[in-house]
């Protein structure tokens, strides 16, 4: 939608010129001279008439645009000329004492007004330049009704790197030959409630995720129909339903509430790097890859936008995997963060505005993310240190049925998502004691929740319910072995176990799940002997501990976030990492010469 002000409306308030302004009765008449210059005094006026004119409201006629203390026109009582001095000889008028001072004040006011108007118009034009450049999508009706709860005032922004070739003039391949848009970069930017830290989680594009139903987003995507029990690559989700479908799928599978999305294409990425004056990258070996355009010798280099983009897109080195590329992207983001910090970019308003202006032309956001929101985020993170930003990746394992796909590793992935959703670091699992514990009271769980391995299965039509429950269980120190959909719908919430040794574990879980039915089943059911299944029925309303304590208001959460050491637990780097420490992201047999451009 064109946000430029209506040209017709911009004329509001201008004086119409079809009818002359005749002034009010007895007034000075139409203003035909410079409005900032005092009107000439009547030739019949004398020094004496100035001194003898009676003062009062009827004696001064303010000129349009000036106050009563400004220029006034004197009138005699009879309407004619007042008598001159005796002898008919006119004496020269003495200069008015305050004339020069008034003129100086008027010109000072004029200059000030012009400066303020010019500055206002310049700021407005620049603001409109940014606003008009940003494309927005209204996705609020595309995310479904059963979204995860928002436990804290942290902000979660889905960042999507689109590889659409539109508008790149064939620099990265023809938009006719490579149609549509895919995404090789999908990240969740988690800004802590106190804005003193951030966590960036990368999602491999080769991740297998459930196929959930998504409507067309209005940008040309067709959407997709839910297919129970079927999976697809994560970037296929984006290709099918755009940012809204990716957003909905990630909320459903992670249980993390997402506030906004930001999508940037190739040109926008290059603009950011160029506006920063380039960024440092480091290679353990020389790379010349015509496919990506990366052509650098070994060592550290200061590169501009084109080579920076080639660096983060490179895949023909090492093992050629998406996981290694994510590693290289993390080191690149750390270098970018260090560049921003060294130049104090967030404190440099002109530079921030220049970056915003250039990026706006290639940026797409949800309609709920305003320019003011983006400015406030940038302002609030001025004091953020590079060490306070952690880059990690969702834990994954190779899909046993397809070496080119990955599955999210459990329980590590659910534990990470739980930490992000609640801004709390999960206490490490307690070690099993070799000494049998005394028989507990009836109301006390027989085993520690940390020793209960749970498979969470959704038996309702509420998308993402299993992920939400898994997140809550992780926060209550249960071990989530996996999530998925039940084989059949159920109105009741059921806990099943197949081994007598897991009866105590089932009881411990039942103590946290209201109205859950505990059912022992045979080993033929497929339930592992050291696990229990939690089947979520339509009567599931959350865990007792979660129900008892109300969720914090998204706008009132305190700054007591305890999330830390994410990179030590799940791998990754901090923003202050040595950018030449990424040799592992290049190791492997692949060489660019083995691939055609």
Protein backbone atom coordinates (compact mmCIF):
# COMPACT_ATOMS: atom_id res chain seq x y z
CA UNK A 1 0.00 0.00 0.00
CA UNK A 2 1.31 3.43 -0.92
CA UNK A 3 1.83 5.32 2.34
CA UNK A 4 2.69 8.66 0.73
CA UNK A 5 0.44 11.44 1.87
CA UNK A 6 -2.44 12.26 -0.43
CA UNK A 7 -1.30 15.17 -2.61
CA UNK A 8 -4.76 16.63 -2.52
CA UNK A 9 -4.70 16.64 1.25
CA UNK A 10 -1.33 18.34 1.36
CA UNK A 11 -2.95 21.52 0.01
CA UNK A 12 -5.23 21.78 3.00
CA UNK A 13 -4.77 25.07 4.79
CA UNK A 14 -3.48 27.03 1.78
CA UNK A 15 -5.22 30.35 1.02
CA UNK A 16 -7.39 30.13 -2.03
CA UNK A 17 -6.37 32.69 -4.63
CA UNK A 18 -9.66 32.88 -6.53
CA UNK A 19 -10.99 35.70 -4.33
CA UNK A 20 -8.75 38.52 -3.02
CA UNK A 21 -8.51 38.98 0.68
CA UNK A 22 -10.08 42.34 1.27
CA UNK A 23 -9.31 42.47 4.97
CA UNK A 24 -11.79 43.46 7.60
CA UNK A 25 -13.77 46.72 7.59
CA UNK A 26 -11.54 49.61 8.51
CA UNK A 27 -8.51 47.35 8.30
CA UNK A 28 -5.43 47.70 6.15
CA UNK A 29 -6.96 45.92 3.14
CA UNK A 30 -5.45 43.11 1.14
CA UNK A 31 -1.82 42.20 1.89
CA UNK A 32 -0.01 42.78 -1.39
CA UNK A 33 3.47 43.33 -0.02
CA UNK A 34 6.05 41.07 1.58
CA UNK A 35 4.26 39.60 4.65
CA UNK A 36 7.50 39.73 6.64
CA UNK A 37 8.03 43.48 6.01
CA UNK A 38 6.13 46.17 7.89
CA UNK A 39 3.49 47.95 5.75
CA UNK A 40 4.32 51.57 4.86
CA UNK A 41 3.00 54.23 7.17
CA UNK A 42 0.38 56.56 5.65
CA UNK A 43 1.96 59.66 4.17
CA UNK A 44 -0.40 61.81 6.20
CA UNK A 45 0.83 60.39 9.46
CA UNK A 46 3.19 62.51 11.51
CA UNK A 47 5.26 62.14 14.55
CA UNK A 48 2.56 63.93 16.42
CA UNK A 49 -0.14 61.57 15.25
CA UNK A 50 1.91 58.60 16.43
CA UNK A 51 2.21 60.14 19.86
CA UNK A 52 -1.37 61.28 20.27
CA UNK A 53 -3.30 58.31 18.91
CA UNK A 54 -5.45 56.78 21.62
CA UNK A 55 -4.48 53.25 22.57
CA UNK A 56 -6.98 50.47 22.77
CA UNK A 57 -8.20 47.40 21.01
CA UNK A 58 -9.85 49.40 18.26
CA UNK A 59 -6.73 51.39 17.54
CA UNK A 60 -4.38 48.61 16.49
CA UNK A 61 -5.17 46.30 13.59
CA UNK A 62 -2.77 43.35 13.69
CA UNK A 63 -1.37 42.32 10.32
CA UNK A 64 -2.23 38.73 9.47
CA UNK A 65 0.30 36.40 11.04
CA UNK A 66 1.59 38.83 13.66
CA UNK A 67 0.52 39.53 17.22
CA UNK A 68 -0.91 42.78 18.54
CA UNK A 69 2.55 43.67 19.76
CA UNK A 70 3.73 43.74 16.16
CA UNK A 71 3.02 46.21 13.36
CA UNK A 72 -0.13 48.32 13.73
CA UNK A 73 -1.87 51.01 11.72
CA UNK A 74 -3.09 54.14 13.55
CA UNK A 75 -6.46 55.70 12.84
CA UNK A 76 -7.69 59.16 13.79
CA UNK A 77 -11.01 59.70 15.41
CA UNK A 78 -12.56 61.49 12.47
CA UNK A 79 -11.34 59.35 9.70
CA UNK A 80 -9.39 62.24 8.04
CA UNK A 81 -5.85 63.37 8.26
CA UNK A 82 -4.84 64.87 11.61
CA UNK A 83 -3.72 68.49 11.52
CA UNK A 84 -0.07 69.23 10.81
CA UNK A 85 2.19 71.47 12.84
CA UNK A 86 1.79 75.23 12.82
CA UNK A 87 3.08 76.97 9.72
CA UNK A 88 2.48 73.99 7.52
CA UNK A 89 6.11 72.92 7.69
CA UNK A 90 6.53 69.26 8.40
CA UNK A 91 9.26 68.25 10.74
CA UNK A 92 11.30 65.11 9.90
CA UNK A 93 10.15 62.02 11.74
CA UNK A 94 12.52 60.88 14.49
CA UNK A 95 13.44 57.20 14.06
CA UNK A 96 11.35 54.97 16.32
CA UNK A 97 13.41 53.68 19.20
CA UNK A 98 12.24 50.07 18.92
CA UNK A 99 12.09 49.77 15.13
CA UNK A 100 15.51 48.11 14.70
CA UNK A 101 14.97 45.78 17.62
CA UNK A 102 11.58 44.70 16.31
CA UNK A 103 13.00 44.08 12.85
CA UNK A 104 15.83 41.98 14.28
CA UNK A 105 13.38 39.97 16.34
CA UNK A 106 11.14 39.44 13.33
CA UNK A 107 14.00 38.28 11.15
CA UNK A 108 15.28 36.01 13.92
CA UNK A 109 11.82 34.49 14.17
CA UNK A 110 11.71 34.07 10.42
CA UNK A 111 15.09 32.32 10.28
CA UNK A 112 14.18 30.06 13.19
CA UNK A 113 10.88 29.20 11.55
CA UNK A 114 12.55 28.39 8.23
CA UNK A 115 15.15 26.19 9.94
CA UNK A 116 12.51 24.33 11.96
CA UNK A 117 10.26 23.86 8.95
CA UNK A 118 13.18 22.71 6.80
CA UNK A 119 14.39 20.30 9.48
CA UNK A 120 10.87 18.97 10.01
CA UNK A 121 10.29 18.46 6.31
CA UNK A 122 13.69 16.82 5.89
CA UNK A 123 13.04 14.44 8.78
CA UNK A 124 9.55 13.74 7.49
CA UNK A 125 10.79 13.02 3.96
CA UNK A 126 13.53 10.77 5.35
CA UNK A 127 11.02 9.02 7.61
CA UNK A 128 8.62 8.51 4.73
CA UNK A 129 11.52 7.28 2.62
CA UNK A 130 12.13 4.53 5.17
CA UNK A 131 8.47 3.74 5.82
CA UNK A 132 7.47 3.70 2.17
CA UNK A 133 10.31 1.33 1.34
CA UNK A 134 9.25 -1.39 3.78
CA UNK A 135 6.85 -4.03 2.51
CA UNK A 136 4.49 -5.42 5.12
CA UNK A 137 2.28 -8.50 5.29
CA UNK A 138 -0.74 -8.89 7.52
CA UNK A 139 -0.32 -12.44 8.83
CA UNK A 140 -2.36 -12.17 12.03
CA UNK A 141 -5.20 -14.25 10.59
CA UNK A 142 -2.85 -16.91 9.19
CA UNK A 143 -1.20 -18.10 12.41
CA UNK A 144 -4.09 -20.12 13.81
CA UNK A 145 -5.94 -19.80 17.10
CA UNK A 146 -3.91 -22.23 19.22
CA UNK A 147 -0.69 -20.29 19.53
CA UNK A 148 1.81 -20.87 22.36
CA UNK A 149 1.47 -18.72 25.48
CA UNK A 150 3.86 -15.82 25.96
CA UNK A 151 5.48 -16.39 29.34
CA UNK A 152 7.77 -13.34 29.54
CA UNK A 153 8.25 -9.90 27.98
CA UNK A 154 11.10 -11.20 25.83
CA UNK A 155 10.79 -10.49 22.12
CA UNK A 156 11.15 -13.27 19.56
CA UNK A 157 11.69 -12.26 15.95
CA UNK A 158 11.78 -14.77 13.11
CA UNK A 159 14.55 -13.72 10.71
CA UNK A 160 14.31 -15.08 7.18
CA UNK A 161 16.92 -14.76 4.49
CA UNK A 162 15.07 -15.02 1.19
CA UNK A 163 16.90 -16.19 -1.90
CA UNK A 164 14.37 -14.63 -4.25
CA UNK A 165 16.14 -13.34 -7.38
CA UNK A 166 13.54 -10.66 -8.02
CA UNK A 167 15.12 -7.22 -8.31
CA UNK A 168 18.73 -8.46 -8.46
CA UNK A 169 19.14 -7.91 -12.23
CA UNK A 170 20.35 -11.46 -12.75
CA UNK A 171 23.36 -11.00 -10.47
CA UNK A 172 22.54 -14.23 -8.60
CA UNK A 173 20.77 -16.11 -11.34
CA UNK A 174 17.78 -15.31 -13.51
CA UNK A 175 14.47 -14.78 -11.74
CA UNK A 176 12.85 -16.62 -14.67
CA UNK A 177 15.14 -19.64 -14.35
CA UNK A 178 15.00 -19.63 -10.52
CA UNK A 179 11.41 -18.72 -9.74
CA UNK A 180 9.77 -18.06 -6.41
CA UNK A 181 11.53 -17.72 -3.10
CA UNK A 182 13.21 -20.20 -0.81
CA UNK A 183 15.14 -19.67 2.37
CA UNK A 184 18.55 -20.99 3.27
CA UNK A 185 18.66 -18.89 6.44
CA UNK A 186 16.00 -19.20 9.13
CA UNK A 187 16.79 -17.91 12.59
CA UNK A 188 14.96 -16.95 15.74
CA UNK A 189 16.27 -13.80 17.41
CA UNK A 190 15.41 -13.99 21.10
CA UNK A 191 15.89 -10.63 22.86
CA UNK A 192 15.93 -11.07 26.63
CA UNK A 193 13.33 -9.18 28.69
CA UNK A 194 15.91 -6.72 30.03
CA UNK A 195 17.47 -6.29 26.55
CA UNK A 196 20.86 -7.05 28.11
CA UNK A 197 21.39 -10.12 26.00
CA UNK A 198 20.14 -12.05 23.00
CA UNK A 199 20.16 -15.60 21.67
CA UNK A 200 20.10 -16.37 17.95
CA UNK A 201 18.92 -19.90 17.11
CA UNK A 202 19.54 -21.18 13.58
CA UNK A 203 17.22 -23.77 12.03
CA UNK A 204 18.79 -25.97 9.34
CA UNK A 205 16.82 -25.75 6.13
CA UNK A 206 17.05 -29.57 5.84
CA UNK A 207 15.15 -30.06 9.11
CA UNK A 208 12.19 -32.44 8.88
CA UNK A 209 9.05 -30.85 10.31
CA UNK A 210 5.36 -31.88 10.32
CA UNK A 211 3.26 -30.70 7.39
CA UNK A 212 0.67 -28.41 8.93
CA UNK A 213 -2.16 -26.63 7.15
CA UNK A 214 -1.39 -23.12 5.88
CA UNK A 215 -3.54 -20.70 3.89
CA UNK A 216 -2.21 -18.71 0.91
CA UNK A 217 -0.51 -15.59 2.26
CA UNK A 218 -1.50 -13.21 -0.51
CA UNK A 219 2.00 -12.95 -1.97
CA UNK A 220 1.63 -15.72 -4.51
CA UNK A 221 2.14 -18.79 -2.33
CA UNK A 222 -0.48 -21.53 -2.60
CA UNK A 223 -0.49 -22.65 1.01
CA UNK A 224 -0.68 -26.33 1.91
CA UNK A 225 -3.00 -28.93 3.41
CA UNK A 226 -2.09 -30.62 6.68
CA UNK A 227 -0.89 -34.20 6.28
CA UNK A 228 -0.96 -36.13 9.54
CA UNK A 229 2.19 -38.13 10.15
CA UNK A 230 3.98 -36.66 7.13
CA UNK A 231 7.06 -34.44 7.22
CA UNK A 232 8.70 -31.94 4.88
CA UNK A 233 11.89 -29.90 4.77
CA UNK A 234 11.64 -26.64 6.66
CA UNK A 235 12.45 -24.53 3.62
CA UNK A 236 9.69 -26.36 1.73
CA UNK A 237 7.32 -25.02 4.39
CA UNK A 238 8.46 -21.50 3.54
CA UNK A 239 8.18 -22.11 -0.21
CA UNK A 240 4.62 -23.43 0.19
CA UNK A 241 3.15 -20.79 2.47
CA UNK A 242 5.67 -17.99 2.88
CA UNK A 243 6.68 -16.35 6.13
CA UNK A 244 3.30 -16.95 7.77
CA UNK A 245 3.46 -20.72 7.24
CA UNK A 246 7.05 -20.87 8.50
CA UNK A 247 6.05 -18.80 11.54
CA UNK A 248 3.05 -21.04 12.28
CA UNK A 249 5.09 -24.23 11.87
CA UNK A 250 7.92 -23.08 14.14
CA UNK A 251 5.48 -21.99 16.86
CA UNK A 252 3.74 -25.35 16.57
CA UNK A 253 6.92 -27.42 16.77
CA UNK A 254 8.90 -25.40 19.31
CA UNK A 255 6.21 -24.09 21.66
CA UNK A 256 7.89 -20.67 21.53
CA UNK A 257 5.71 -17.62 20.97
CA UNK A 258 6.98 -15.49 18.06
CA UNK A 259 6.22 -11.76 18.06
CA UNK A 260 7.30 -10.67 14.58
CA UNK A 261 9.09 -11.69 11.41
CA UNK A 262 11.66 -9.85 9.31
CA UNK A 263 12.61 -11.00 5.83
CA UNK A 264 15.56 -9.63 3.87
CA UNK A 265 16.84 -10.55 0.42
CA UNK A 266 20.25 -10.56 -1.25
CA UNK A 267 20.31 -6.84 -2.01
CA UNK A 268 19.38 -5.87 1.53
CA UNK A 269 22.13 -8.03 2.98
CA UNK A 270 24.72 -6.39 0.75
CA UNK A 271 23.43 -2.91 1.61
CA UNK A 272 23.92 -3.49 5.34
CA UNK A 273 27.50 -4.65 4.84
CA UNK A 274 28.33 -1.77 2.49
CA UNK A 275 26.77 0.85 4.79
CA UNK A 276 28.95 -0.47 7.61
CA UNK A 277 32.02 -0.05 5.42
CA UNK A 278 32.55 -3.80 5.00
CA UNK A 279 33.17 -6.60 7.46
CA UNK A 280 36.02 -8.98 8.33
CA UNK A 281 35.93 -12.65 7.37
CA UNK A 282 38.56 -15.34 7.85
CA UNK A 283 39.33 -18.41 5.74
CA UNK A 284 41.67 -21.26 6.75
CA UNK A 285 42.32 -21.96 3.08
CA UNK A 286 41.96 -20.21 -0.27
CA UNK A 287 38.56 -20.56 -1.95
CA UNK A 288 37.65 -19.80 -5.55
CA UNK A 289 34.08 -20.88 -6.20
CA UNK A 290 32.39 -19.53 -9.36
CA UNK A 291 29.04 -20.85 -8.11
CA UNK A 292 28.88 -18.57 -5.07
CA UNK A 293 31.32 -15.95 -6.37
CA UNK A 294 33.63 -16.35 -3.37
CA UNK A 295 37.24 -15.78 -4.38
CA UNK A 296 39.56 -15.13 -1.44
CA UNK A 297 42.97 -16.31 -0.31
CA UNK A 298 43.58 -17.90 3.07
CA UNK A 299 43.59 -15.55 6.05
CA UNK A 300 41.60 -12.57 7.20
CA UNK A 301 39.98 -10.21 4.71
CA UNK A 302 37.88 -7.06 4.89
CA UNK A 303 35.12 -7.62 2.34
CA UNK A 304 32.27 -5.58 0.92
CA UNK A 305 28.70 -6.67 0.29
CA UNK A 306 29.20 -8.93 -2.75
CA UNK A 307 32.00 -11.05 -1.25
CA UNK A 308 30.26 -11.08 2.15
CA UNK A 309 27.17 -12.54 0.54
CA UNK A 310 29.28 -15.09 -1.31
CA UNK A 311 30.88 -16.09 2.01
CA UNK A 312 27.59 -16.81 3.79
CA UNK A 313 26.17 -18.63 0.73
CA UNK A 314 29.19 -20.88 0.16
CA UNK A 315 28.41 -24.62 0.22
CA UNK A 316 31.09 -26.24 -1.94
CA UNK A 317 33.66 -26.63 0.83
CA UNK A 318 34.13 -28.96 3.77
CA UNK A 319 31.33 -31.50 3.88
CA UNK A 320 29.03 -29.37 1.77
CA UNK A 321 26.46 -29.47 4.54
CA UNK A 322 23.93 -26.91 5.65
CA UNK A 323 25.20 -27.39 9.22
CA UNK A 324 28.70 -26.19 8.31
CA UNK A 325 27.25 -23.23 6.46
CA UNK A 326 25.32 -22.30 9.60
CA UNK A 327 28.63 -22.38 11.49
CA UNK A 328 30.21 -20.01 8.98
CA UNK A 329 27.18 -17.75 9.16
CA UNK A 330 27.47 -17.61 12.95
CA UNK A 331 31.09 -16.46 12.71
CA UNK A 332 30.07 -13.93 10.09
CA UNK A 333 27.31 -12.56 12.34
CA UNK A 334 29.81 -12.31 15.19
CA UNK A 335 32.14 -10.32 12.91
CA UNK A 336 29.23 -8.09 11.89
CA UNK A 337 28.33 -7.54 15.53
CA UNK A 338 31.94 -6.64 16.36
CA UNK A 339 31.97 -4.16 13.47
CA UNK A 340 28.79 -2.52 14.72
CA UNK A 341 30.22 -2.35 18.25
CA UNK A 342 33.60 -0.92 17.21
CA UNK A 343 31.95 1.83 15.16
CA UNK A 344 29.27 2.49 17.79
CA UNK A 345 26.73 2.32 15.01
CA UNK A 346 23.67 2.23 17.26
CA UNK A 347 24.72 5.58 18.75
CA UNK A 348 25.24 7.10 15.29
CA UNK A 349 21.79 8.27 14.24
CA UNK A 350 22.73 9.28 10.66
CA UNK A 351 24.38 5.90 10.04
CA UNK A 352 21.46 3.99 11.53
CA UNK A 353 19.12 5.99 9.32
CA UNK A 354 21.27 5.36 6.24
CA UNK A 355 21.23 1.62 6.93
CA UNK A 356 17.49 1.70 7.60
CA UNK A 357 16.86 3.62 4.37
CA UNK A 358 18.82 1.17 2.25
CA UNK A 359 17.55 -1.96 3.94
CA UNK A 360 13.94 -0.76 3.88
CA UNK A 361 13.85 -1.19 0.11
CA UNK A 362 14.50 -4.91 0.46
CA UNK A 363 12.75 -5.58 3.78
CA UNK A 364 9.47 -7.35 4.44
CA UNK A 365 7.93 -7.48 7.91
CA UNK A 366 4.62 -8.34 9.48
CA UNK A 367 2.29 -5.36 9.65
CA UNK A 368 2.47 -5.39 13.45
CA UNK A 369 6.16 -4.42 13.47
CA UNK A 370 6.31 -0.64 13.08
CA UNK A 371 9.29 1.57 12.33
CA UNK A 372 8.94 2.89 15.87
CA UNK A 373 9.20 -0.65 17.23
CA UNK A 374 12.38 -1.23 15.22
CA UNK A 375 13.82 2.05 16.43
CA UNK A 376 13.00 1.20 20.04
CA UNK A 377 14.63 -2.21 19.72
CA UNK A 378 17.80 -0.66 18.30
CA UNK A 379 17.82 2.05 20.97
CA UNK A 380 17.28 -0.37 23.83
CA UNK A 381 20.21 -2.52 22.72
CA UNK A 382 22.78 0.29 22.53
CA UNK A 383 24.59 -0.96 25.61
CA UNK A 384 24.52 -4.61 24.60
CA UNK A 385 27.99 -6.15 24.58
CA UNK A 386 29.12 -8.58 21.91
CA UNK A 387 29.64 -11.14 24.65
CA UNK A 388 25.97 -10.85 25.54
CA UNK A 389 24.84 -12.27 22.19
CA UNK A 390 24.88 -16.06 21.82
CA UNK A 391 24.65 -17.88 18.49
CA UNK A 392 23.51 -21.50 18.53
CA UNK A 393 21.65 -24.05 16.41
CA UNK A 394 18.78 -26.34 17.26
CA UNK A 395 20.32 -29.73 18.18
CA UNK A 396 19.90 -32.23 15.35
CA UNK A 397 20.70 -35.80 14.36
CA UNK A 398 20.86 -37.30 10.90
CA UNK A 399 17.62 -38.78 9.58
CA UNK A 400 18.27 -42.55 9.51
CA UNK A 401 16.16 -42.86 6.35
CA UNK A 402 17.76 -39.96 4.45
CA UNK A 403 21.36 -38.83 4.93
CA UNK A 404 20.50 -35.43 3.44
CA UNK A 405 17.90 -34.62 6.10
CA UNK A 406 18.12 -33.95 9.84
CA UNK A 407 15.77 -34.49 12.76
CA UNK A 408 15.69 -32.33 15.87
CA UNK A 409 17.47 -34.21 18.63
CA UNK A 410 15.44 -34.97 21.72
CA UNK A 411 15.33 -34.17 24.55
CA UNK A 412 17.93 -31.47 23.81
CA UNK A 413 15.78 -29.55 21.31
CA UNK A 414 12.74 -29.41 23.60
CA UNK A 415 14.95 -28.36 26.47
CA UNK A 416 16.41 -25.49 24.42
CA UNK A 417 12.96 -24.34 23.33
CA UNK A 418 11.76 -24.50 26.93
CA UNK A 419 14.63 -22.29 28.05
CA UNK A 420 13.82 -19.76 25.34
CA UNK A 421 10.08 -19.78 26.04
CA UNK A 422 10.53 -19.26 29.79
CA UNK A 423 13.87 -17.42 29.87
CA UNK A 424 15.10 -19.89 32.43
CA UNK A 425 18.10 -22.23 32.22
CA UNK A 426 17.01 -25.79 32.90
CA UNK A 427 18.80 -27.47 35.80
CA UNK A 428 20.95 -30.37 34.55
CA UNK A 429 19.47 -33.82 34.98
CA UNK A 430 20.16 -35.28 38.41
CA UNK A 431 22.26 -38.43 38.57
CA UNK A 432 20.49 -41.64 39.48
CA UNK A 433 21.34 -42.77 42.97
CA UNK A 434 22.56 -46.38 43.38
CA UNK A 435 20.98 -46.57 46.83
CA UNK A 436 17.25 -47.31 46.83
CA UNK A 437 15.23 -44.51 48.31
CA UNK A 438 12.82 -45.01 51.12
CA UNK A 439 9.19 -45.53 50.17
CA UNK A 440 7.70 -42.09 49.61
CA UNK A 441 4.41 -40.81 50.87
CA UNK A 442 1.42 -41.28 48.62
CA UNK A 443 1.42 -37.62 47.54
CA UNK A 444 5.13 -37.60 46.68
CA UNK A 445 6.34 -38.84 43.28
CA UNK A 446 8.21 -42.12 43.59
CA UNK A 447 10.99 -40.94 41.26
CA UNK A 448 12.54 -37.63 40.35
CA UNK A 449 11.01 -35.97 37.25
CA UNK A 450 14.52 -35.83 35.79
CA UNK A 451 14.46 -39.63 35.60
CA UNK A 452 11.12 -39.77 33.78
CA UNK A 453 11.42 -40.01 29.99
CA UNK A 454 8.23 -38.89 28.27
CA UNK A 455 6.94 -39.11 24.71
CA UNK A 456 4.34 -36.37 24.21
CA UNK A 457 1.62 -37.20 21.66
CA UNK A 458 -1.10 -34.83 20.48
CA UNK A 459 -4.53 -36.51 20.19
CA UNK A 460 -6.40 -33.27 19.45
CA UNK A 461 -6.83 -30.92 16.50
CA UNK A 462 -4.89 -28.18 18.29
CA UNK A 463 -1.70 -27.70 16.30
CA UNK A 464 1.43 -27.36 18.40
CA UNK A 465 -0.08 -28.72 21.61
CA UNK A 466 2.59 -31.42 21.97
CA UNK A 467 5.38 -28.87 21.63
CA UNK A 468 3.77 -26.62 24.24
CA UNK A 469 3.37 -29.50 26.67
CA UNK A 470 6.94 -30.63 26.01
CA UNK A 471 8.21 -27.16 26.80
CA UNK A 472 6.30 -27.09 30.10
CA UNK A 473 7.49 -30.58 31.03
CA UNK A 474 11.09 -29.60 30.35
CA UNK A 475 10.72 -26.59 32.61
CA UNK A 476 9.48 -28.96 35.31
CA UNK A 477 12.63 -31.06 34.82
CA UNK A 478 11.03 -34.02 33.03
CA UNK A 479 13.01 -35.52 30.15
CA UNK A 480 11.10 -35.24 26.88
CA UNK A 481 12.16 -38.12 24.63
CA UNK A 482 10.08 -36.95 21.67
CA UNK A 483 6.89 -35.31 20.42
CA UNK A 484 4.39 -36.22 17.72
CA UNK A 485 0.76 -36.98 16.90
CA UNK A 486 -1.25 -39.80 18.44
CA UNK A 487 -2.60 -42.53 16.15
CA UNK A 488 -6.19 -41.59 17.02
CA UNK A 489 -8.01 -38.62 18.56
CA UNK A 490 -8.91 -38.75 22.23
CA UNK A 491 -11.03 -36.68 24.56
CA UNK A 492 -9.18 -37.97 27.61
CA UNK A 493 -5.56 -37.31 28.56
CA UNK A 494 -3.82 -40.65 29.10
CA UNK A 495 -0.45 -41.75 30.51
CA UNK A 496 0.65 -45.17 29.30
CA UNK A 497 3.58 -47.40 30.27
CA UNK A 498 4.59 -50.90 29.23
CA UNK A 499 6.97 -51.96 32.01
CA UNK A 500 6.29 -52.39 35.70
CA UNK A 501 9.49 -50.53 36.39
CA UNK A 502 7.92 -47.43 34.82
CA UNK A 503 4.82 -47.46 37.01
CA UNK A 504 6.46 -45.06 39.42
CA UNK A 505 7.50 -42.82 36.54
CA UNK A 506 3.91 -42.77 35.27
CA UNK A 507 2.72 -41.86 38.75
CA UNK A 508 5.24 -39.03 38.98
CA UNK A 509 4.03 -37.67 35.66
CA UNK A 510 0.37 -38.02 36.66
CA UNK A 511 1.07 -35.87 39.70
CA UNK A 512 1.72 -32.96 37.31
CA UNK A 513 -1.00 -33.57 34.70
CA UNK A 514 -4.55 -32.81 35.90
CA UNK A 515 -7.22 -35.46 35.16
CA UNK A 516 -4.77 -37.81 33.45
CA UNK A 517 -5.68 -41.49 33.32
CA UNK A 518 -2.79 -43.89 33.99
CA UNK A 519 -2.93 -47.06 31.89
CA UNK A 520 -0.49 -49.98 31.86
CA UNK A 521 -0.23 -51.53 28.38
CA UNK A 522 1.52 -54.53 26.89
CA UNK A 523 5.01 -54.43 25.47
CA UNK A 524 3.46 -55.01 22.05
CA UNK A 525 2.10 -51.46 22.18
CA UNK A 526 5.47 -50.18 21.06
CA UNK A 527 6.15 -48.10 24.16
CA UNK A 528 9.79 -48.46 25.21
CA UNK A 529 10.34 -50.16 28.54
CA UNK A 530 12.15 -47.14 29.95
CA UNK A 531 9.67 -44.50 28.74
CA UNK A 532 6.07 -43.39 29.26
CA UNK A 533 3.68 -41.90 26.73
CA UNK A 534 1.65 -38.80 27.53
CA UNK A 535 -1.35 -38.68 25.16
CA UNK A 536 -2.89 -35.24 25.22
CA UNK A 537 -6.66 -35.34 24.92
CA UNK A 538 -9.10 -32.50 24.39
CA UNK A 539 -9.47 -32.14 28.17
CA UNK A 540 -5.77 -31.29 28.60
CA UNK A 541 -5.43 -27.85 30.19
CA UNK A 542 -1.75 -27.72 31.04
CA UNK A 543 0.43 -28.89 33.90
CA UNK A 544 -0.63 -28.26 37.49
CA UNK A 545 2.38 -26.08 38.21
CA UNK A 546 1.74 -24.02 35.08
CA UNK A 547 -1.98 -23.72 35.88
CA UNK A 548 -1.33 -22.67 39.47
CA UNK A 549 0.96 -19.80 38.52
CA UNK A 550 -0.39 -17.29 36.06
CA UNK A 551 1.75 -16.48 33.09
CA UNK A 552 3.56 -13.14 33.42
CA UNK A 553 2.18 -10.27 31.42
CA UNK A 554 4.10 -9.81 28.16
CA UNK A 555 4.52 -6.14 28.99
CA UNK A 556 5.33 -6.42 32.67
CA UNK A 557 7.88 -9.17 33.01
CA UNK A 558 10.92 -8.32 35.07
CA UNK A 559 14.52 -8.35 33.92
CA UNK A 560 15.43 -11.41 35.99
CA UNK A 561 16.14 -13.66 33.02
CA UNK A 562 18.38 -16.57 34.00
CA UNK A 563 19.04 -17.95 30.54
CA UNK A 564 22.78 -18.36 30.13
CA UNK A 565 25.48 -20.65 28.85
CA UNK A 566 23.34 -21.61 25.89
CA UNK A 567 26.40 -22.10 23.70
CA UNK A 568 28.10 -24.32 26.28
CA UNK A 569 25.08 -26.58 26.49
CA UNK A 570 24.01 -26.70 22.86
CA UNK A 571 27.10 -25.55 20.96
CA UNK A 572 27.77 -22.31 19.12
CA UNK A 573 29.69 -19.12 19.77
CA UNK A 574 29.32 -15.74 21.45
CA UNK A 575 29.41 -12.45 19.63
CA UNK A 576 32.95 -11.72 20.81
CA UNK A 577 34.40 -14.93 19.31
CA UNK A 578 37.64 -14.90 17.35
CA UNK A 579 36.44 -14.89 13.74
CA UNK A 580 39.46 -16.99 12.68
CA UNK A 581 38.38 -19.81 14.97
CA UNK A 582 35.99 -21.26 12.40
CA UNK A 583 38.33 -23.77 10.73
CA UNK A 584 35.97 -26.63 11.63
CA UNK A 585 33.31 -25.03 9.44
CA UNK A 586 35.55 -25.60 6.40
CA UNK A 587 36.95 -29.07 7.12
CA UNK A 588 35.99 -31.88 4.78
CA UNK A 589 36.67 -33.38 1.36
CA UNK A 590 34.63 -31.02 -0.83
CA UNK A 591 36.35 -28.52 -3.12
CA UNK A 592 34.67 -25.94 -5.38
CA UNK A 593 36.40 -27.47 -8.43
CA UNK A 594 34.27 -30.58 -7.98
CA UNK A 595 31.09 -28.66 -8.70
CA UNK A 596 29.84 -26.90 -11.80
CA UNK A 597 28.98 -23.20 -11.41
